[in-house]
Amino acid sequence: MWFFNSEEKEIQKVCRDFARNELAPVAEHHDTKETFNLKAFKHMGDLGLLGITAHPDFGGAGMGATAATIVMEEFGKACAGSTLSYLAHTIL
């Protein structure tokens, strides 16, 4: 989007690639089997996406709701279950 800053655009690209490569290929399996994609969730942490809105003093990225929403939008294109898990971890 034209109004995202450079850091938000980078997050969007990383999340779009992650969703395409790691969430989408197994989304139907996890939905059908009613299982949790723990491998992907751990990788979200490795990418620094978990706690994206938390202050750096607490191990987060210190970014705002816009960044978290970008992540959820990109993930939501690939896997609703993983997106809801991310939302619950990040926002609640």
Protein backbone atom coordinates (compact mmCIF):
# COMPACT_ATOMS: atom_id res chain seq x y z
CA MET A 1 0.00 0.00 0.00
CA TRP A 2 1.19 3.48 -0.74
CA PHE A 3 0.64 4.68 2.83
CA PHE A 4 2.70 1.98 4.60
CA ASN A 5 6.16 2.98 5.76
CA SER A 6 9.17 0.96 4.60
CA GLU A 7 9.15 -1.27 7.70
CA GLU A 8 5.45 -2.07 7.24
CA LYS A 9 6.02 -2.85 3.55
CA GLU A 10 8.80 -5.26 4.51
CA ILE A 11 6.56 -6.98 7.06
CA GLN A 12 3.88 -7.28 4.41
CA LYS A 13 6.30 -8.97 2.01
CA VAL A 14 7.69 -11.34 4.66
CA CYS A 15 4.19 -12.30 5.79
CA ARG A 16 2.89 -12.72 2.26
CA ASP A 17 5.76 -15.09 1.43
CA PHE A 18 5.36 -16.94 4.75
CA ALA A 19 1.62 -17.35 4.21
CA ARG A 20 2.07 -18.55 0.64
CA ASN A 21 4.88 -20.99 1.44
CA GLU A 22 4.08 -22.25 4.94
CA LEU A 23 0.42 -21.65 5.75
CA ALA A 24 -1.46 -22.17 2.50
CA PRO A 25 -0.02 -25.60 1.59
CA VAL A 26 -1.21 -27.16 4.88
CA ALA A 27 -4.25 -25.03 5.72
CA GLU A 28 -6.80 -27.53 4.44
CA HIS A 29 -5.10 -30.37 6.32
CA HIS A 30 -5.18 -28.48 9.63
CA ASP A 31 -8.78 -27.36 9.07
CA THR A 32 -9.95 -30.85 8.16
CA LYS A 33 -8.07 -32.60 10.97
CA GLU A 34 -8.79 -29.77 13.44
CA THR A 35 -5.11 -29.53 14.34
CA PHE A 36 -2.83 -26.64 15.23
CA ASN A 37 0.06 -25.66 12.98
CA LEU A 38 2.69 -25.53 15.72
CA LYS A 39 5.58 -25.56 13.24
CA ALA A 40 4.30 -22.38 11.58
CA PHE A 41 3.54 -20.73 14.92
CA LYS A 42 7.10 -21.33 16.09
CA HIS A 43 8.40 -19.90 12.81
CA MET A 44 6.25 -16.80 13.37
CA GLY A 45 8.20 -16.34 16.59
CA ASP A 46 11.51 -16.82 14.81
CA LEU A 47 10.47 -14.10 12.36
CA GLY A 48 9.72 -11.73 15.25
CA LEU A 49 6.02 -11.56 14.46
CA LEU A 50 4.76 -12.76 17.84
CA GLY A 51 4.62 -9.84 20.22
CA ILE A 52 4.89 -7.40 17.34
CA THR A 53 2.97 -4.78 19.33
CA ALA A 54 4.81 -5.39 22.62
CA HIS A 55 7.37 -2.85 23.79
CA PRO A 56 11.00 -3.82 23.07
CA ASP A 57 11.72 -3.80 26.82
CA PHE A 58 9.46 -6.84 26.98
CA GLY A 59 10.94 -8.60 23.95
CA GLY A 60 8.54 -7.24 21.36
CA ALA A 61 9.01 -5.24 18.19
CA GLY A 62 7.31 -2.11 19.51
CA MET A 63 5.17 -1.70 16.43
CA GLY A 64 1.53 -0.68 16.37
CA ALA A 65 -1.81 -2.08 15.40
CA THR A 66 -1.14 -1.34 11.72
CA ALA A 67 1.74 -3.82 11.66
CA ALA A 68 -0.31 -6.47 13.45
CA THR A 69 -3.17 -5.91 11.02
CA ILE A 70 -0.84 -6.29 8.05
CA VAL A 71 0.28 -9.66 9.42
CA MET A 72 -3.30 -10.80 9.95
CA GLU A 73 -4.38 -9.65 6.50
CA GLU A 74 -1.58 -11.58 4.77
CA PHE A 75 -2.08 -14.68 6.92
CA GLY A 76 -5.84 -14.51 6.45
CA LYS A 77 -5.45 -14.98 2.72
CA ALA A 78 -3.91 -18.38 3.38
CA CYS A 79 -5.26 -19.85 6.62
CA ALA A 80 -8.02 -18.53 8.86
CA GLY A 81 -7.10 -20.83 11.75
CA SER A 82 -3.49 -19.70 11.91
CA THR A 83 -4.61 -16.10 11.58
CA LEU A 84 -6.99 -16.39 14.52
CA SER A 85 -4.28 -18.02 16.62
CA TYR A 86 -1.93 -15.19 15.71
CA LEU A 87 -4.61 -12.60 16.52
CA ALA A 88 -5.30 -14.13 19.93
CA HIS A 89 -1.60 -14.22 20.77
CA THR A 90 -0.85 -10.73 19.55
CA ILE A 91 -3.92 -8.67 20.39
CA LEU A 92 -5.47 -10.33 23.42
